[in-house]
Amino acid sequence: FPLMSKEVEKVKPVSLTLKDRLILGHALPTKGDATSMIIVRDIAKKVEINQEEIEKYKIKSVGQQTTWNCADVFSYEFSAPEKELLKKTFEDLSNKKELSAELLDLYQAFTARASD
């Protein structure tokens, strides 16, 4: 099953900061077909912040502002379907002229990686 092996094939790891992880969770689509939403759920679970990290990095939210004390970079491997969904998400935001400055690094990371 060549198609199946391609779907589970891992791509080069992507380095994300804590800020990237927080932003990525909010940039993911909130609606779509069942397959897309399963992929969205898997991405969100992969990069989500857990309780241990909240304590370790002193993450605090006050109103709409979130602060933390973390310079660490986290490495993630995304499957081919995850990578394609992320690429399409950021390209769609750019095409609609809805890409914000805080999303630019993520846009570049995921659209540049599409050809890897």
N, C-alpha and C. Protein backbone atom coordinates (compact mmCIF):
# COMPACT_ATOMS: atom_id res chain seq x y z
N PHE A 1 0.83 -1.19 0.00
CA PHE A 1 0.00 0.00 0.00
C PHE A 1 0.87 1.24 0.00
N PRO A 2 1.38 1.66 -1.13
CA PRO A 2 2.24 2.84 -1.19
C PRO A 2 1.56 4.10 -0.66
N LEU A 3 0.26 4.28 -0.93
CA LEU A 3 -0.44 5.47 -0.47
C LEU A 3 -0.44 5.52 1.06
N MET A 4 -0.71 4.37 1.66
CA MET A 4 -0.78 4.34 3.11
C MET A 4 0.59 4.66 3.73
N SER A 5 1.67 4.12 3.19
CA SER A 5 2.99 4.39 3.75
C SER A 5 3.34 5.86 3.61
N LYS A 6 2.87 6.50 2.54
CA LYS A 6 3.13 7.92 2.35
C LYS A 6 2.40 8.74 3.41
N GLU A 7 1.20 8.33 3.77
CA GLU A 7 0.40 9.06 4.75
C GLU A 7 1.04 9.06 6.13
N VAL A 8 1.69 7.97 6.51
CA VAL A 8 2.28 7.91 7.84
C VAL A 8 3.74 8.31 7.85
N GLU A 9 4.28 8.60 6.68
CA GLU A 9 5.68 9.01 6.58
C GLU A 9 5.90 10.31 7.35
N LYS A 10 6.97 10.35 8.14
CA LYS A 10 7.27 11.55 8.92
C LYS A 10 8.15 12.49 8.09
N VAL A 11 7.98 13.77 8.35
CA VAL A 11 8.78 14.78 7.68
C VAL A 11 9.84 15.27 8.65
N LYS A 12 10.70 16.14 8.15
CA LYS A 12 11.74 16.70 9.01
C LYS A 12 11.11 17.39 10.20
N PRO A 13 11.73 17.28 11.37
CA PRO A 13 11.17 17.94 12.55
C PRO A 13 11.06 19.45 12.37
N VAL A 14 10.04 20.01 12.97
CA VAL A 14 9.81 21.44 12.96
C VAL A 14 10.09 21.96 14.36
N SER A 15 10.88 23.02 14.46
CA SER A 15 11.17 23.63 15.75
C SER A 15 10.16 24.72 16.04
N LEU A 16 9.52 24.63 17.20
CA LEU A 16 8.53 25.61 17.61
C LEU A 16 8.87 26.15 18.99
N THR A 17 8.70 27.44 19.17
CA THR A 17 8.86 28.04 20.50
C THR A 17 7.54 27.87 21.25
N LEU A 18 7.56 28.20 22.52
CA LEU A 18 6.33 28.15 23.30
C LEU A 18 5.29 29.10 22.69
N LYS A 19 5.73 30.27 22.28
CA LYS A 19 4.82 31.24 21.63
C LYS A 19 4.21 30.63 20.37
N ASP A 20 5.03 29.97 19.54
CA ASP A 20 4.52 29.32 18.33
C ASP A 20 3.44 28.31 18.67
N ARG A 21 3.67 27.53 19.72
CA ARG A 21 2.71 26.51 20.12
C ARG A 21 1.38 27.13 20.56
N LEU A 22 1.47 28.21 21.32
CA LEU A 22 0.26 28.90 21.76
C LEU A 22 -0.51 29.47 20.57
N ILE A 23 0.21 30.09 19.65
CA ILE A 23 -0.42 30.72 18.49
C ILE A 23 -0.98 29.67 17.54
N LEU A 24 -0.25 28.59 17.32
CA LEU A 24 -0.68 27.56 16.38
C LEU A 24 -2.04 26.99 16.77
N GLY A 25 -2.25 26.78 18.04
CA GLY A 25 -3.53 26.25 18.51
C GLY A 25 -4.71 27.12 18.11
N HIS A 26 -4.49 28.42 18.07
CA HIS A 26 -5.56 29.36 17.70
C HIS A 26 -5.67 29.56 16.19
N ALA A 27 -4.66 29.19 15.44
CA ALA A 27 -4.67 29.39 13.99
C ALA A 27 -5.31 28.21 13.24
N LEU A 28 -5.48 27.10 13.92
CA LEU A 28 -6.04 25.91 13.27
C LEU A 28 -7.51 26.12 12.89
N PRO A 29 -7.94 25.50 11.80
CA PRO A 29 -9.35 25.63 11.40
C PRO A 29 -10.29 25.12 12.49
N THR A 30 -11.45 25.75 12.59
CA THR A 30 -12.45 25.33 13.57
C THR A 30 -13.59 24.57 12.91
N LYS A 31 -13.61 24.54 11.57
CA LYS A 31 -14.64 23.82 10.82
C LYS A 31 -14.00 23.14 9.63
N GLY A 32 -14.61 22.03 9.22
CA GLY A 32 -14.12 21.31 8.05
C GLY A 32 -14.78 19.96 7.96
N ASP A 33 -14.32 19.13 7.03
CA ASP A 33 -14.87 17.78 6.94
C ASP A 33 -14.29 16.93 8.06
N ALA A 34 -14.85 15.75 8.24
CA ALA A 34 -14.45 14.88 9.36
C ALA A 34 -12.96 14.56 9.35
N THR A 35 -12.42 14.24 8.19
CA THR A 35 -11.01 13.89 8.09
C THR A 35 -10.12 15.06 8.49
N SER A 36 -10.44 16.23 7.97
CA SER A 36 -9.65 17.43 8.31
C SER A 36 -9.71 17.73 9.80
N MET A 37 -10.89 17.58 10.39
CA MET A 37 -11.03 17.91 11.81
C MET A 37 -10.30 16.89 12.70
N ILE A 38 -10.19 15.66 12.25
CA ILE A 38 -9.40 14.66 12.98
C ILE A 38 -7.93 15.06 12.94
N ILE A 39 -7.47 15.51 11.78
CA ILE A 39 -6.08 15.96 11.65
C ILE A 39 -5.84 17.20 12.51
N VAL A 40 -6.80 18.13 12.50
CA VAL A 40 -6.69 19.33 13.35
C VAL A 40 -6.58 18.92 14.81
N ARG A 41 -7.42 17.99 15.24
CA ARG A 41 -7.39 17.52 16.63
C ARG A 41 -6.03 16.91 16.96
N ASP A 42 -5.47 16.13 16.05
CA ASP A 42 -4.17 15.50 16.29
C ASP A 42 -3.06 16.55 16.41
N ILE A 43 -3.10 17.57 15.56
CA ILE A 43 -2.10 18.65 15.63
C ILE A 43 -2.23 19.38 16.96
N ALA A 44 -3.47 19.72 17.32
CA ALA A 44 -3.70 20.46 18.58
C ALA A 44 -3.19 19.66 19.77
N LYS A 45 -3.46 18.36 19.80
CA LYS A 45 -2.98 17.51 20.90
C LYS A 45 -1.46 17.49 20.94
N LYS A 46 -0.85 17.44 19.76
CA LYS A 46 0.61 17.35 19.66
C LYS A 46 1.30 18.57 20.26
N VAL A 47 0.76 19.76 20.02
CA VAL A 47 1.45 20.99 20.44
C VAL A 47 0.85 21.64 21.69
N GLU A 48 -0.20 21.01 22.25
CA GLU A 48 -0.86 21.64 23.40
C GLU A 48 0.09 21.79 24.59
N ILE A 49 -0.20 22.79 25.39
CA ILE A 49 0.55 23.07 26.62
C ILE A 49 -0.10 22.26 27.74
N ASN A 50 0.71 21.55 28.53
CA ASN A 50 0.15 20.76 29.62
C ASN A 50 0.36 21.45 30.98
N GLN A 51 -0.22 20.91 32.01
CA GLN A 51 -0.15 21.51 33.34
C GLN A 51 1.29 21.62 33.86
N GLU A 52 2.09 20.61 33.58
CA GLU A 52 3.49 20.63 34.01
C GLU A 52 4.22 21.82 33.38
N GLU A 53 3.95 22.08 32.10
CA GLU A 53 4.59 23.21 31.41
C GLU A 53 4.08 24.55 31.94
N ILE A 54 2.83 24.60 32.31
CA ILE A 54 2.28 25.84 32.89
C ILE A 54 3.08 26.22 34.14
N GLU A 55 3.35 25.24 34.98
CA GLU A 55 4.14 25.49 36.19
C GLU A 55 5.60 25.75 35.85
N LYS A 56 6.20 24.90 35.04
CA LYS A 56 7.62 24.99 34.71
C LYS A 56 7.97 26.33 34.07
N TYR A 57 7.14 26.80 33.13
CA TYR A 57 7.43 28.02 32.39
C TYR A 57 6.67 29.24 32.91
N LYS A 58 6.01 29.06 34.05
CA LYS A 58 5.29 30.17 34.70
C LYS A 58 4.33 30.87 33.72
N ILE A 59 3.53 30.06 33.03
CA ILE A 59 2.57 30.59 32.06
C ILE A 59 1.38 31.16 32.81
N LYS A 60 1.07 32.41 32.50
CA LYS A 60 -0.06 33.08 33.15
C LYS A 60 -0.85 33.84 32.10
N SER A 61 -2.17 33.79 32.23
CA SER A 61 -3.05 34.55 31.35
C SER A 61 -3.84 35.54 32.18
N VAL A 62 -3.77 36.80 31.80
CA VAL A 62 -4.54 37.85 32.44
C VAL A 62 -5.28 38.58 31.33
N GLY A 63 -6.58 38.49 31.33
CA GLY A 63 -7.35 39.07 30.23
C GLY A 63 -6.98 38.37 28.94
N GLN A 64 -6.58 39.13 27.94
CA GLN A 64 -6.17 38.54 26.66
C GLN A 64 -4.66 38.47 26.51
N GLN A 65 -3.93 38.72 27.59
CA GLN A 65 -2.46 38.67 27.52
C GLN A 65 -1.95 37.43 28.25
N THR A 66 -1.03 36.74 27.60
CA THR A 66 -0.40 35.55 28.18
C THR A 66 1.08 35.81 28.31
N THR A 67 1.63 35.48 29.47
CA THR A 67 3.06 35.65 29.70
C THR A 67 3.67 34.31 30.09
N TRP A 68 4.99 34.18 29.88
CA TRP A 68 5.71 32.96 30.22
C TRP A 68 7.18 33.26 30.37
N ASN A 69 7.90 32.30 30.91
CA ASN A 69 9.34 32.42 31.08
C ASN A 69 9.97 31.17 30.46
N CYS A 70 10.18 31.23 29.14
CA CYS A 70 10.68 30.05 28.43
C CYS A 70 11.37 30.47 27.14
N ALA A 71 12.62 30.07 27.01
CA ALA A 71 13.35 30.31 25.76
C ALA A 71 13.58 28.99 25.03
N ASP A 72 13.04 27.90 25.56
CA ASP A 72 13.23 26.58 24.97
C ASP A 72 12.60 26.50 23.58
N VAL A 73 13.16 25.63 22.76
CA VAL A 73 12.60 25.34 21.44
C VAL A 73 12.22 23.85 21.46
N PHE A 74 11.05 23.56 20.98
CA PHE A 74 10.51 22.20 21.00
C PHE A 74 10.48 21.65 19.59
N SER A 75 10.83 20.39 19.44
CA SER A 75 10.90 19.77 18.13
C SER A 75 9.70 18.83 17.93
N TYR A 76 9.03 18.99 16.79
CA TYR A 76 7.85 18.18 16.49
C TYR A 76 7.98 17.58 15.10
N GLU A 77 7.50 16.35 14.97
CA GLU A 77 7.39 15.72 13.67
C GLU A 77 5.93 15.68 13.30
N PHE A 78 5.61 16.21 12.13
CA PHE A 78 4.25 16.21 11.63
C PHE A 78 4.15 15.24 10.47
N SER A 79 3.05 14.48 10.44
CA SER A 79 2.82 13.54 9.34
C SER A 79 2.55 14.33 8.06
N ALA A 80 2.59 13.64 6.93
CA ALA A 80 2.32 14.30 5.65
C ALA A 80 0.93 14.95 5.62
N PRO A 81 -0.13 14.27 6.10
CA PRO A 81 -1.44 14.93 6.11
C PRO A 81 -1.48 16.15 7.03
N GLU A 82 -0.79 16.08 8.17
CA GLU A 82 -0.73 17.23 9.07
C GLU A 82 -0.01 18.40 8.41
N LYS A 83 1.10 18.08 7.77
CA LYS A 83 1.89 19.11 7.08
C LYS A 83 1.07 19.77 5.98
N GLU A 84 0.35 18.99 5.21
CA GLU A 84 -0.47 19.54 4.12
C GLU A 84 -1.59 20.42 4.66
N LEU A 85 -2.23 19.99 5.75
CA LEU A 85 -3.29 20.80 6.33
C LEU A 85 -2.74 22.13 6.85
N LEU A 86 -1.59 22.08 7.51
CA LEU A 86 -0.97 23.31 8.02
C LEU A 86 -0.57 24.24 6.87
N LYS A 87 0.00 23.68 5.83
CA LYS A 87 0.38 24.48 4.66
C LYS A 87 -0.85 25.16 4.06
N LYS A 88 -1.92 24.40 3.86
CA LYS A 88 -3.15 24.95 3.28
C LYS A 88 -3.76 26.01 4.20
N THR A 89 -3.75 25.78 5.49
CA THR A 89 -4.30 26.74 6.45
C THR A 89 -3.59 28.08 6.35
N PHE A 90 -2.26 28.05 6.34
CA PHE A 90 -1.50 29.30 6.29
C PHE A 90 -1.57 29.96 4.92
N GLU A 91 -1.59 29.16 3.86
CA GLU A 91 -1.74 29.74 2.52
C GLU A 91 -3.11 30.40 2.37
N ASP A 92 -4.16 29.76 2.91
CA ASP A 92 -5.50 30.33 2.85
C ASP A 92 -5.55 31.66 3.59
N LEU A 93 -4.94 31.73 4.77
CA LEU A 93 -4.90 32.98 5.53
C LEU A 93 -4.19 34.06 4.73
N SER A 94 -3.10 33.71 4.10
CA SER A 94 -2.34 34.67 3.31
C SER A 94 -3.16 35.14 2.10
N ASN A 95 -3.77 34.20 1.39
CA ASN A 95 -4.56 34.54 0.20
C ASN A 95 -5.75 35.44 0.54
N LYS A 96 -6.32 35.26 1.74
CA LYS A 96 -7.45 36.10 2.18
C LYS A 96 -6.97 37.40 2.81
N LYS A 97 -5.64 37.57 2.85
CA LYS A 97 -5.02 38.74 3.50
C LYS A 97 -5.41 38.83 4.98
N GLU A 98 -5.46 37.65 5.64
CA GLU A 98 -5.77 37.55 7.05
C GLU A 98 -4.58 37.04 7.86
N LEU A 99 -3.42 37.02 7.24
CA LEU A 99 -2.21 36.55 7.90
C LEU A 99 -1.66 37.69 8.77
N SER A 100 -1.61 37.48 10.08
CA SER A 100 -1.12 38.52 10.98
C SER A 100 0.39 38.41 11.14
N ALA A 101 1.01 39.46 11.66
CA ALA A 101 2.47 39.48 11.86
C ALA A 101 2.89 38.35 12.80
N GLU A 102 2.06 38.05 13.81
CA GLU A 102 2.45 36.99 14.75
C GLU A 102 2.38 35.60 14.12
N LEU A 103 1.68 35.46 13.01
CA LEU A 103 1.60 34.17 12.31
C LEU A 103 2.66 34.00 11.23
N LEU A 104 3.40 35.06 10.94
CA LEU A 104 4.34 35.03 9.81
C LEU A 104 5.40 33.94 9.95
N ASP A 105 6.00 33.79 11.12
CA ASP A 105 7.02 32.75 11.29
C ASP A 105 6.44 31.35 11.06
N LEU A 106 5.24 31.11 11.57
CA LEU A 106 4.60 29.81 11.35
C LEU A 106 4.26 29.61 9.88
N TYR A 107 3.78 30.66 9.23
CA TYR A 107 3.48 30.60 7.79
C TYR A 107 4.74 30.18 7.03
N GLN A 108 5.85 30.85 7.32
CA GLN A 108 7.10 30.54 6.61
C GLN A 108 7.57 29.13 6.92
N ALA A 109 7.44 28.71 8.15
CA ALA A 109 7.90 27.37 8.54
C ALA A 109 7.11 26.28 7.80
N PHE A 110 5.80 26.43 7.73
CA PHE A 110 4.99 25.37 7.16
C PHE A 110 4.82 25.46 5.65
N THR A 111 4.87 26.64 5.07
CA THR A 111 4.75 26.71 3.61
C THR A 111 6.08 26.39 2.96
N ALA A 112 7.19 26.75 3.60
CA ALA A 112 8.51 26.42 3.04
C ALA A 112 8.78 24.94 3.12
N ARG A 113 8.24 24.26 4.13
CA ARG A 113 8.48 22.84 4.33
C ARG A 113 7.67 21.96 3.41
N ALA A 114 6.68 22.53 2.76
CA ALA A 114 5.78 21.72 1.92
C ALA A 114 6.52 20.99 0.82
N SER A 115 7.65 21.52 0.39
CA SER A 115 8.39 20.86 -0.69
C SER A 115 9.46 19.90 -0.15
N ASP A 116 9.59 19.82 1.18
CA ASP A 116 10.59 18.89 1.77
C ASP A 116 10.22 17.45 1.50
